[in-house]
C-alpha atoms as a PDB file:
ATOM      1  CA  MET A   1     -12.522 -11.585  -2.266  1.00  0.00           C
ATOM      2  CA  LEU A   2     -13.926 -14.812  -0.864  1.00  0.00           C
ATOM      3  CA  TRP A   3     -10.737 -16.875  -1.185  1.00  0.00           C
ATOM      4  CA  PRO A   4      -7.198 -16.704  -2.682  1.00  0.00           C
ATOM      5  CA  LYS A   5      -7.305 -17.081  -6.458  1.00  0.00           C
ATOM      6  CA  VAL A   6      -4.609 -19.746  -6.760  1.00  0.00           C
ATOM      7  CA  PHE A   7      -4.872 -23.485  -7.300  1.00  0.00           C
ATOM      8  CA  VAL A   8      -2.250 -25.392  -5.296  1.00  0.00           C
ATOM      9  CA  LEU A   9      -1.064 -28.944  -5.909  1.00  0.00           C
ATOM     10  CA  ALA A  10       0.975 -30.262  -2.959  1.00  0.00           C
ATOM     11  CA  LEU A  11       2.983 -33.483  -3.033  1.00  0.00           C
ATOM     12  CA  SER A  12       5.900 -34.607  -0.887  1.00  0.00           C
ATOM     13  CA  GLN A  13       9.222 -35.407  -2.573  1.00  0.00           C
ATOM     14  CA  LYS A  14       9.097 -38.940  -1.150  1.00  0.00           C
ATOM     15  CA  ARG A  15       5.674 -39.582  -2.648  1.00  0.00           C
ATOM     16  CA  PHE A  16       6.684 -38.023  -5.973  1.00  0.00           C
ATOM     17  CA  ASP A  17       9.854 -40.184  -6.212  1.00  0.00           C
ATOM     18  CA  ALA A  18       7.732 -43.289  -5.602  1.00  0.00           C
ATOM     19  CA  LEU A  19       5.670 -42.613  -8.753  1.00  0.00           C
ATOM     20  CA  THR A  20       6.424 -44.064 -12.146  1.00  0.00           C
ATOM     21  CA  SER A  21       7.710 -41.818 -14.918  1.00  0.00           C
ATOM     22  CA  GLN A  22       4.257 -41.770 -16.469  1.00  0.00           C
ATOM     23  CA  GLN A  23       2.615 -40.842 -13.156  1.00  0.00           C
ATOM     24  CA  GLN A  24       5.162 -38.067 -12.588  1.00  0.00           C
ATOM     25  CA  ALA A  25       4.360 -36.703 -16.036  1.00  0.00           C
ATOM     26  CA  TRP A  26       0.659 -36.650 -15.156  1.00  0.00           C
ATOM     27  CA  VAL A  27       1.398 -34.722 -11.961  1.00  0.00           C
ATOM     28  CA  ARG A  28       3.506 -32.153 -13.846  1.00  0.00           C
ATOM     29  CA  GLU A  29       0.760 -31.767 -16.436  1.00  0.00           C
ATOM     30  CA  ALA A  30      -1.878 -31.274 -13.725  1.00  0.00           C
ATOM     31  CA  ALA A  31       0.312 -28.661 -12.019  1.00  0.00           C
ATOM     32  CA  ALA A  32       0.822 -26.801 -15.297  1.00  0.00           C
ATOM     33  CA  GLN A  33      -2.926 -26.791 -15.938  1.00  0.00           C
ATOM     34  CA  ALA A  34      -3.531 -25.458 -12.417  1.00  0.00           C
ATOM     35  CA  VAL A  35      -1.114 -22.588 -12.990  1.00  0.00           C
ATOM     36  CA  LYS A  36      -2.780 -21.731 -16.314  1.00  0.00           C
ATOM     37  CA  ALA A  37      -6.257 -21.866 -14.752  1.00  0.00           C
ATOM     38  CA  SER A  38      -5.151 -19.585 -11.907  1.00  0.00           C
ATOM     39  CA  VAL A  39      -3.814 -17.022 -14.378  1.00  0.00           C
ATOM     40  CA  ASP A  40      -6.527 -17.180 -17.036  1.00  0.00           C
ATOM     41  CA  ALA A  41      -9.719 -17.647 -14.998  1.00  0.00           C
ATOM     42  CA  THR A  42     -12.051 -14.668 -14.477  1.00  0.00           C
ATOM     43  CA  TYR A  43     -13.134 -15.729 -10.966  1.00  0.00           C
ATOM     44  CA  ASP A  44     -16.561 -14.111 -11.071  1.00  0.00           C
ATOM     45  CA  GLU A  45     -17.524 -14.268  -7.387  1.00  0.00           C
ATOM     46  CA  ALA A  46     -21.078 -12.952  -7.788  1.00  0.00           C
ATOM     47  CA  PRO A  47     -22.562 -16.452  -8.369  1.00  0.00           C
ATOM     48  CA  ALA A  48     -20.654 -17.807  -5.372  1.00  0.00           C
ATOM     49  CA  ALA A  49     -21.939 -14.983  -3.168  1.00  0.00           C
ATOM     50  CA  ARG A  50     -25.521 -15.606  -4.296  1.00  0.00           C
ATOM     51  CA  THR A  51     -25.173 -19.328  -3.589  1.00  0.00           C
ATOM     52  CA  LEU A  52     -23.850 -18.654  -0.086  1.00  0.00           C
ATOM     53  CA  CYS A  53     -26.701 -16.203   0.552  1.00  0.00           C
ATOM     54  CA  ASP A  54     -29.262 -18.810  -0.513  1.00  0.00           C
ATOM     55  CA  ARG A  55     -27.724 -21.177   2.028  1.00  0.00           C
ATOM     56  CA  GLY A  56     -28.186 -18.650   4.845  1.00  0.00           C
ATOM     57  CA  ALA A  57     -24.778 -16.952   4.886  1.00  0.00           C
ATOM     58  CA  ARG A  58     -24.642 -13.224   5.634  1.00  0.00           C
ATOM     59  CA  PHE A  59     -21.875 -10.790   4.716  1.00  0.00           C
ATOM     60  CA  ARG A  60     -20.647  -7.846   6.753  1.00  0.00           C
ATOM     61  CA  ASP A  61     -17.579  -5.642   6.817  1.00  0.00           C
ATOM     62  CA  ALA A  62     -15.065  -6.081   9.596  1.00  0.00           C
ATOM     63  CA  THR A  63     -14.865  -3.194  12.037  1.00  0.00           C
ATOM     64  CA  PRO A  64     -11.565  -1.274  12.399  1.00  0.00           C
ATOM     65  CA  GLY A  65     -11.091  -2.952  15.769  1.00  0.00           C
ATOM     66  CA  GLN A  66     -11.519  -6.414  14.253  1.00  0.00           C
ATOM     67  CA  VAL A  67      -9.016  -5.624  11.491  1.00  0.00           C
ATOM     68  CA  GLN A  68      -6.492  -4.413  14.050  1.00  0.00           C
ATOM     69  CA  GLY A  69      -7.123  -7.496  16.171  1.00  0.00           C
ATOM     70  CA  LEU A  70      -6.449  -9.750  13.185  1.00  0.00           C
ATOM     71  CA  ARG A  71      -3.209  -7.934  12.461  1.00  0.00           C
ATOM     72  CA  SER A  72      -2.111  -8.253  16.085  1.00  0.00           C
ATOM     73  CA  ARG A  73      -2.847 -11.989  16.181  1.00  0.00           C
ATOM     74  CA  PHE A  74      -1.055 -12.545  12.860  1.00  0.00           C
ATOM     75  CA  ARG A  75       2.045 -10.560  13.854  1.00  0.00           C
ATOM     76  CA  PRO A  76       3.861 -13.535  15.529  1.00  0.00           C
ATOM     77  CA  VAL A  77       3.501 -15.517  12.295  1.00  0.00           C
ATOM     78  CA  LEU A  78       5.020 -12.693  10.255  1.00  0.00           C
ATOM     79  CA  ASP A  79       7.848 -12.341  12.767  1.00  0.00           C
ATOM     80  CA  LYS A  80       8.740 -16.017  12.316  1.00  0.00           C
ATOM     81  CA  LEU A  81       8.715 -15.659   8.531  1.00  0.00           C
ATOM     82  CA  VAL A  82      10.963 -12.588   8.694  1.00  0.00           C
ATOM     83  CA  ALA A  83      13.438 -14.456  10.937  1.00  0.00           C
ATOM     84  CA  ASP A  84      13.949 -17.125   8.246  1.00  0.00           C
ATOM     85  CA  PRO A  85      16.151 -15.817   5.362  1.00  0.00           C
ATOM     86  CA  THR A  86      14.384 -18.004   2.796  1.00  0.00           C
ATOM     87  CA  SER A  87      10.822 -17.097   3.737  1.00  0.00           C
ATOM     88  CA  ALA A  88      11.797 -13.463   4.431  1.00  0.00           C
ATOM     89  CA  GLN A  89      12.653 -12.908   0.772  1.00  0.00           C
ATOM     90  CA  LEU A  90       9.375 -14.428  -0.402  1.00  0.00           C
ATOM     91  CA  LEU A  91       7.423 -12.451   2.201  1.00  0.00           C
ATOM     92  CA  GLY A  92       9.077  -9.227   1.036  1.00  0.00           C
ATOM     93  CA  ASP A  93       8.062  -9.948  -2.557  1.00  0.00           C
ATOM     94  CA  LEU A  94       4.462 -10.638  -1.512  1.00  0.00           C
ATOM     95  CA  GLN A  95       4.288  -7.484   0.603  1.00  0.00           C
ATOM     96  CA  ALA A  96       5.583  -5.431  -2.332  1.00  0.00           C
ATOM     97  CA  ILE A  97       2.799  -6.779  -4.519  1.00  0.00           C
ATOM     98  CA  ALA A  98       0.208  -6.157  -1.787  1.00  0.00           C
ATOM     99  CA  ALA A  99       1.408  -2.559  -1.420  1.00  0.00           C
ATOM    100  CA  GLN A 100       0.431  -1.964  -5.045  1.00  0.00           C
ATOM    101  CA  HIS A 101      -3.166  -2.977  -4.276  1.00  0.00           C
ATOM    102  CA  PRO A 102      -3.993  -1.493  -0.841  1.00  0.00           C
ATOM    103  CA  GLY A 103      -7.773  -1.458  -1.273  1.00  0.00           C
ATOM    104  CA  PRO A 104      -9.911  -4.516  -0.437  1.00  0.00           C
ATOM    105  CA  GLU A 105     -11.674  -6.477  -3.168  1.00  0.00           C
ATOM    106  CA  ALA A 106     -15.243  -7.067  -1.993  1.00  0.00           C
ATOM    107  CA  PRO A 107     -17.653  -9.566  -3.583  1.00  0.00           C
ATOM    108  CA  ALA A 108     -20.902  -8.346  -5.120  1.00  0.00           C
ATOM    109  CA  VAL A 109     -23.318  -9.277  -2.349  1.00  0.00           C
ATOM    110  CA  PRO A 110     -27.099  -9.374  -3.017  1.00  0.00           C
ATOM    111  CA  ALA A 111     -29.168  -6.882  -1.033  1.00  0.00           C
ATOM    112  CA  SER A 112     -30.978  -9.741   0.697  1.00  0.00           C
ATOM    113  CA  CYS A 113     -27.728 -10.652   2.427  1.00  0.00           C
ATOM    114  CA  ALA A 114     -27.836  -7.358   4.297  1.00  0.00           C
ATOM    115  CA  LYS A 115     -30.552  -8.731   6.593  1.00  0.00           C
ATOM    116  CA  GLY A 116     -29.116  -9.685   9.933  1.00  0.00           C
ATOM    117  CA  VAL A 117     -25.753  -7.989   9.479  1.00  0.00           C
ATOM    118  CA  ALA A 118     -24.241  -5.860  12.187  1.00  0.00           C
ATOM    119  CA  LYS A 119     -25.710  -2.440  12.646  1.00  0.00           C
ATOM    120  CA  SER A 120     -23.478   0.373  11.500  1.00  0.00           C
ATOM    121  CA  ALA A 121     -24.396   2.620  14.401  1.00  0.00           C
ATOM    122  CA  SER A 122     -21.528   3.207  16.774  1.00  0.00           C
ATOM    123  CA  PRO A 123     -22.081   3.857  20.474  1.00  0.00           C
ATOM    124  CA  GLY A 124     -19.576   6.708  20.289  1.00  0.00           C
ATOM    125  CA  GLN A 125     -17.643   7.787  23.341  1.00  0.00           C
ATOM    126  CA  VAL A 126     -18.065   5.561  26.386  1.00  0.00           C
ATOM    127  CA  PRO A 127     -19.404   7.408  29.470  1.00  0.00           C
ATOM    128  CA  ALA A 128     -17.068   7.653  32.449  1.00  0.00           C
ATOM    129  CA  GLY A 129     -19.725   6.853  35.047  1.00  0.00           C
ATOM    130  CA  THR A 130     -20.723   3.384  36.247  1.00  0.00           C
ATOM    131  CA  SER A 131     -23.991   2.057  34.836  1.00  0.00           C
ATOM    132  CA  ALA A 132     -27.023   1.862  37.122  1.00  0.00           C
ATOM    133  CA  LEU A 133     -27.843  -1.635  35.829  1.00  0.00           C
ATOM    134  CA  PRO A 134     -28.765  -3.532  39.052  1.00  0.00           C
ATOM    135  CA  ASP A 135     -26.507  -6.266  40.383  1.00  0.00           C
ATOM    136  CA  GLY A 136     -27.755  -9.781  39.837  1.00  0.00           C
ATOM    137  CA  VAL A 137     -27.586 -12.943  37.760  1.00  0.00           C
ATOM    138  CA  TYR A 138     -29.755 -12.858  34.634  1.00  0.00           C
ATOM    139  CA  ARG A 139     -30.476 -15.673  32.184  1.00  0.00           C
ATOM    140  CA  ARG A 140     -32.224 -16.204  28.867  1.00  0.00           C
ATOM    141  CA  GLN A 141     -32.609 -18.895  26.227  1.00  0.00           C
ATOM    142  CA  LEU A 142     -31.799 -18.204  22.577  1.00  0.00           C
ATOM    143  CA  THR A 143     -33.002 -20.984  20.277  1.00  0.00           C
ATOM    144  CA  HIS A 144     -31.798 -21.959  16.818  1.00  0.00           C
ATOM    145  CA  ASP A 145     -35.172 -20.868  15.407  1.00  0.00           C
ATOM    146  CA  GLN A 146     -34.833 -17.414  16.988  1.00  0.00           C
ATOM    147  CA  VAL A 147     -31.372 -17.001  15.482  1.00  0.00           C
ATOM    148  CA  ALA A 148     -32.627 -18.050  12.052  1.00  0.00           C
ATOM    149  CA  ALA A 149     -35.624 -15.700  12.284  1.00  0.00           C
ATOM    150  CA  ALA A 150     -33.243 -12.784  12.901  1.00  0.00           C
ATOM    151  CA  GLY A 151     -31.364 -13.603   9.706  1.00  0.00           C
ATOM    152  CA  GLY A 152     -28.477 -15.575  11.189  1.00  0.00           C
ATOM    153  CA  ASP A 153     -27.178 -19.053  10.453  1.00  0.00           C
ATOM    154  CA  PRO A 154     -28.406 -21.217  13.362  1.00  0.00           C
ATOM    155  CA  GLY A 155     -25.440 -23.549  12.897  1.00  0.00           C
ATOM    156  CA  HIS A 156     -22.835 -20.905  13.706  1.00  0.00           C
ATOM    157  CA  HIS A 157     -24.488 -18.219  15.799  1.00  0.00           C
ATOM    158  CA  PRO A 158     -25.300 -17.758  19.475  1.00  0.00           C
ATOM    159  CA  ALA A 159     -28.053 -20.288  20.159  1.00  0.00           C
ATOM    160  CA  GLY A 160     -27.772 -21.377  23.778  1.00  0.00           C
ATOM    161  CA  THR A 161     -28.477 -20.589  27.411  1.00  0.00           C
ATOM    162  CA  TRP A 162     -26.920 -17.221  28.211  1.00  0.00           C
ATOM    163  CA  THR A 163     -26.048 -16.003  31.700  1.00  0.00           C
ATOM    164  CA  LEU A 164     -25.200 -12.392  32.538  1.00  0.00           C
ATOM    165  CA  ARG A 165     -23.621 -11.687  35.920  1.00  0.00           C
ATOM    166  CA  VAL A 166     -23.618  -8.038  37.049  1.00  0.00           C
ATOM    167  CA  ARG A 167     -21.705  -6.923  40.130  1.00  0.00           C
ATOM    168  CA  ASP A 168     -20.349  -3.549  41.227  1.00  0.00           C
ATOM    169  CA  GLY A 169     -20.257  -2.077  37.731  1.00  0.00           C
ATOM    170  CA  THR A 170     -18.693  -5.138  36.096  1.00  0.00           C
ATOM    171  CA  PHE A 171     -20.135  -7.949  34.012  1.00  0.00           C
ATOM    172  CA  GLN A 172     -19.398 -11.507  32.983  1.00  0.00           C
ATOM    173  CA  LEU A 173     -21.248 -13.089  30.062  1.00  0.00           C
ATOM    174  CA  SER A 174     -21.287 -16.859  29.556  1.00  0.00           C
ATOM    175  CA  CYS A 175     -23.127 -19.310  27.329  1.00  0.00           C
ATOM    176  CA  ARG A 176     -24.033 -22.996  27.332  1.00  0.00           C
ATOM    177  CA  PRO A 177     -24.846 -24.393  23.850  1.00  0.00           C
ATOM    178  CA  ALA A 178     -28.459 -25.244  23.090  1.00  0.00           C
ATOM    179  CA  GLU A 179     -29.421 -28.848  22.488  1.00  0.00           C
ATOM    180  CA  GLY A 180     -30.029 -29.822  18.891  1.00  0.00           C
ATOM    181  CA  ALA A 181     -28.234 -29.929  15.579  1.00  0.00           C
ATOM    182  CA  GLY A 182     -25.450 -27.523  14.756  1.00  0.00           C
ATOM    183  CA  VAL A 183     -22.804 -25.647  16.680  1.00  0.00           C
ATOM    184  CA  SER A 184     -23.992 -22.841  18.924  1.00  0.00           C
ATOM    185  CA  CYS A 185     -22.742 -20.228  21.388  1.00  0.00           C
ATOM    186  CA  GLY A 186     -20.728 -18.618  18.617  1.00  0.00           C
ATOM    187  CA  ASP A 187     -19.040 -21.911  17.627  1.00  0.00           C
ATOM    188  CA  SER A 188     -17.535 -22.431  21.056  1.00  0.00           C
ATOM    189  CA  GLY A 189     -17.021 -26.141  20.486  1.00  0.00           C
ATOM    190  CA  SER A 190     -17.994 -26.862  24.104  1.00  0.00           C
ATOM    191  CA  ASP A 191     -21.040 -28.485  25.661  1.00  0.00           C
ATOM    192  CA  SER A 192     -20.720 -26.601  28.976  1.00  0.00           C
ATOM    193  CA  ASP A 193     -20.765 -22.970  30.122  1.00  0.00           C
ATOM    194  CA  VAL A 194     -18.133 -20.851  28.393  1.00  0.00           C
ATOM    195  CA  THR A 195     -17.288 -17.297  29.460  1.00  0.00           C
ATOM    196  CA  VAL A 196     -17.571 -15.172  26.320  1.00  0.00           C
ATOM    197  CA  GLU A 197     -16.920 -11.676  27.671  1.00  0.00           C
ATOM    198  CA  ALA A 198     -16.028  -9.861  30.871  1.00  0.00           C
ATOM    199  CA  GLY A 199     -15.533  -6.197  31.556  1.00  0.00           C
ATOM    200  CA  LEU A 200     -16.941  -2.913  32.793  1.00  0.00           C
ATOM    201  CA  LEU A 201     -20.455  -1.471  32.697  1.00  0.00           C
ATOM    202  CA  ARG A 202     -20.601   2.237  31.927  1.00  0.00           C
ATOM    203  CA  GLY A 203     -23.568   4.492  31.261  1.00  0.00           C
ATOM    204  CA  THR A 204     -26.068   7.063  32.445  1.00  0.00           C
ATOM    205  CA  GLY A 205     -29.689   6.561  33.444  1.00  0.00           C
ATOM    206  CA  SER A 206     -31.246   3.664  31.568  1.00  0.00           C
ATOM    207  CA  THR A 207     -28.379   3.228  29.073  1.00  0.00           C
ATOM    208  CA  VAL A 208     -25.506   0.823  29.554  1.00  0.00           C
ATOM    209  CA  ASP A 209     -22.213   0.413  27.694  1.00  0.00           C
ATOM    210  CA  PHE A 210     -20.555  -3.011  27.805  1.00  0.00           C
ATOM    211  CA  VAL A 211     -16.792  -2.441  27.722  1.00  0.00           C
ATOM    212  CA  GLY A 212     -14.593  -5.510  27.427  1.00  0.00           C
ATOM    213  CA  ASP A 213     -11.638  -5.688  29.822  1.00  0.00           C
ATOM    214  CA  PRO A 214      -8.833  -8.215  29.111  1.00  0.00           C
ATOM    215  CA  GLU A 215      -7.703  -8.349  32.747  1.00  0.00           C
ATOM    216  CA  GLN A 216     -11.176  -9.298  33.956  1.00  0.00           C
ATOM    217  CA  LEU A 217     -11.472 -11.860  31.159  1.00  0.00           C
ATOM    218  CA  ALA A 218      -8.125 -13.351  32.223  1.00  0.00           C
ATOM    219  CA  ARG A 219      -9.338 -13.693  35.819  1.00  0.00           C
ATOM    220  CA  ALA A 220     -12.588 -15.305  34.675  1.00  0.00           C
ATOM    221  CA  THR A 221     -11.178 -17.750  32.124  1.00  0.00           C
ATOM    222  CA  GLY A 222      -7.476 -18.167  32.876  1.00  0.00           C
ATOM    223  CA  CYS A 223      -6.500 -16.894  29.415  1.00  0.00           C
ATOM    224  CA  SER A 224      -3.103 -15.226  28.997  1.00  0.00           C
ATOM    225  CA  LEU A 225      -2.363 -11.523  28.510  1.00  0.00           C
ATOM    226  CA  SER A 226       1.213 -12.240  27.389  1.00  0.00           C
ATOM    227  CA  PRO A 227       2.064 -11.058  23.828  1.00  0.00           C
ATOM    228  CA  SER A 228       3.915 -14.341  23.305  1.00  0.00           C
ATOM    229  CA  ALA A 229       0.931 -16.535  24.217  1.00  0.00           C
ATOM    230  CA  THR A 230      -0.368 -18.943  21.601  1.00  0.00           C
ATOM    231  CA  GLU A 231      -3.730 -18.344  19.946  1.00  0.00           C
ATOM    232  CA  ALA A 232      -5.337 -20.980  22.166  1.00  0.00           C
ATOM    233  CA  GLU A 233      -3.895 -19.403  25.338  1.00  0.00           C
ATOM    234  CA  SER A 234      -4.331 -15.706  24.527  1.00  0.00           C
ATOM    235  CA  CYS A 235      -7.236 -13.570  25.724  1.00  0.00           C
ATOM    236  CA  GLY A 236      -7.115 -11.758  22.398  1.00  0.00           C
ATOM    237  CA  PRO A 237      -8.152  -8.156  21.817  1.00  0.00           C
ATOM    238  CA  PRO A 238     -11.247  -6.917  23.699  1.00  0.00           C
ATOM    239  CA  ALA A 239     -14.533  -6.704  21.824  1.00  0.00           C
ATOM    240  CA  GLU A 240     -15.665  -3.322  20.600  1.00  0.00           C
ATOM    241  CA  PRO A 241     -17.874  -1.521  23.191  1.00  0.00           C
ATOM    242  CA  TYR A 242     -21.617  -1.661  22.583  1.00  0.00           C
ATOM    243  CA  ARG A 243     -24.567   0.209  24.068  1.00  0.00           C
ATOM    244  CA  MET A 244     -28.203  -0.579  24.868  1.00  0.00           C
ATOM    245  CA  THR A 245     -31.176   0.766  26.763  1.00  0.00           C
ATOM    246  CA  TRP A 246     -32.215  -1.437  29.677  1.00  0.00           C
ATOM    247  CA  GLU A 247     -35.404  -1.824  31.711  1.00  0.00           C
ATOM    248  CA  LEU A 248     -35.953  -4.046  34.754  1.00  0.00           C
ATOM    249  CA  SER A 249     -39.599  -4.910  35.485  1.00  0.00           C
ATOM    250  CA  GLY A 250     -39.967  -7.325  38.369  1.00  0.00           C
ATOM    251  CA  ASP A 251     -37.535 -10.115  37.586  1.00  0.00           C
ATOM    252  CA  GLU A 252     -37.470  -9.462  33.817  1.00  0.00           C
ATOM    253  CA  LEU A 253     -34.604  -7.467  32.272  1.00  0.00           C
ATOM    254  CA  SER A 254     -35.081  -6.172  28.717  1.00  0.00           C
ATOM    255  CA  PHE A 255     -32.519  -4.629  26.359  1.00  0.00           C
ATOM    256  CA  THR A 256     -33.425  -2.441  23.359  1.00  0.00           C
ATOM    257  CA  ASP A 257     -31.854   0.162  21.032  1.00  0.00           C
ATOM    258  CA  TYR A 258     -28.719  -1.884  20.425  1.00  0.00           C
ATOM    259  CA  GLN A 259     -25.693  -0.025  19.022  1.00  0.00           C
ATOM    260  CA  GLY A 260     -22.711  -2.189  18.154  1.00  0.00           C
ATOM    261  CA  GLU A 261     -21.381  -4.951  15.949  1.00  0.00           C
ATOM    262  CA  LEU A 262     -23.386  -8.039  16.972  1.00  0.00           C
ATOM    263  CA  VAL A 263     -26.051  -9.539  14.694  1.00  0.00           C
ATOM    264  CA  ASP A 264     -29.231  -7.643  15.595  1.00  0.00           C
ATOM    265  CA  GLY A 265     -27.884  -7.292  19.125  1.00  0.00           C
ATOM    266  CA  GLN A 266     -28.091 -11.034  19.787  1.00  0.00           C
ATOM    267  CA  PRO A 267     -28.076 -12.492  22.363  1.00  0.00           C
ATOM    268  CA  PHE A 268     -29.195  -9.418  24.317  1.00  0.00           C
ATOM    269  CA  THR A 269     -32.264  -8.145  22.467  1.00  0.00           C
ATOM    270  CA  GLY A 270     -35.531  -9.897  21.746  1.00  0.00           C
ATOM    271  CA  ALA A 271     -36.933 -11.929  24.627  1.00  0.00           C
ATOM    272  CA  PRO A 272     -36.286 -10.596  28.151  1.00  0.00           C
ATOM    273  CA  TRP A 273     -33.729 -11.962  30.575  1.00  0.00           C
ATOM    274  CA  ARG A 274     -34.983 -13.412  33.851  1.00  0.00           C
ATOM    275  CA  LYS A 275     -33.272 -12.520  37.135  1.00  0.00           C
ATOM    276  CA  ILE A 276     -32.325 -15.754  38.890  1.00  0.00           C
ATOM    277  CA  GLY A 277     -30.005 -14.437  41.576  1.00  0.00           C
END
């Protein structure tokens, strides 16, 4: 589903007590109507999905790794709810209801929304050997127009100046948002270089597997590996490994044959990267 199917009317007790009897009656009536609408409405999500598609949104299923990552990040919240006797009872009731409906409810997405979604191909088992991708600093520009042409929303996808640092079989990937309207670099919220990934490079011949490594990311960004770290402090789970074919011609590095979960392999595929160091 696209959102929880419940209307919620929230009002503090202090604000409610400050209302007149007539105003309180109106609030109670509005709340009763909201409950009835939540129960009786059909919630046909097909029109909403079509509207979002027309606005440039694209739908894709979460990978098993992303689902597990979400569960891991949400676990501290559940632990706090369980520790409170009042919320623990309510949580137990909700979990019992959820257990009766284990399957996801997916919206009916138009076929046109499939353009630009993540490829389903998996890189499979990661090779043990270090990739032969040459050491160096590589850079490329990814514009809002290029993102849009690939089927992505230029306001929330990786438009920016990307820098890939390769050294001794490791990598560090950073991005500086592009100038112009909209948020870029994957909604980083920053106007300077942000390290997006760091890890190991594995592969054979002209193929390379990018394998995220939390310890390297912690050294590069200062994020925390502690299970008790807040969402803002935590490094989070590593990205799923992805694989490409690479070719270095002069100072131009090209990636093709992307296998992984990014939108059309952005920011790697398309225009070549230029070696700057």
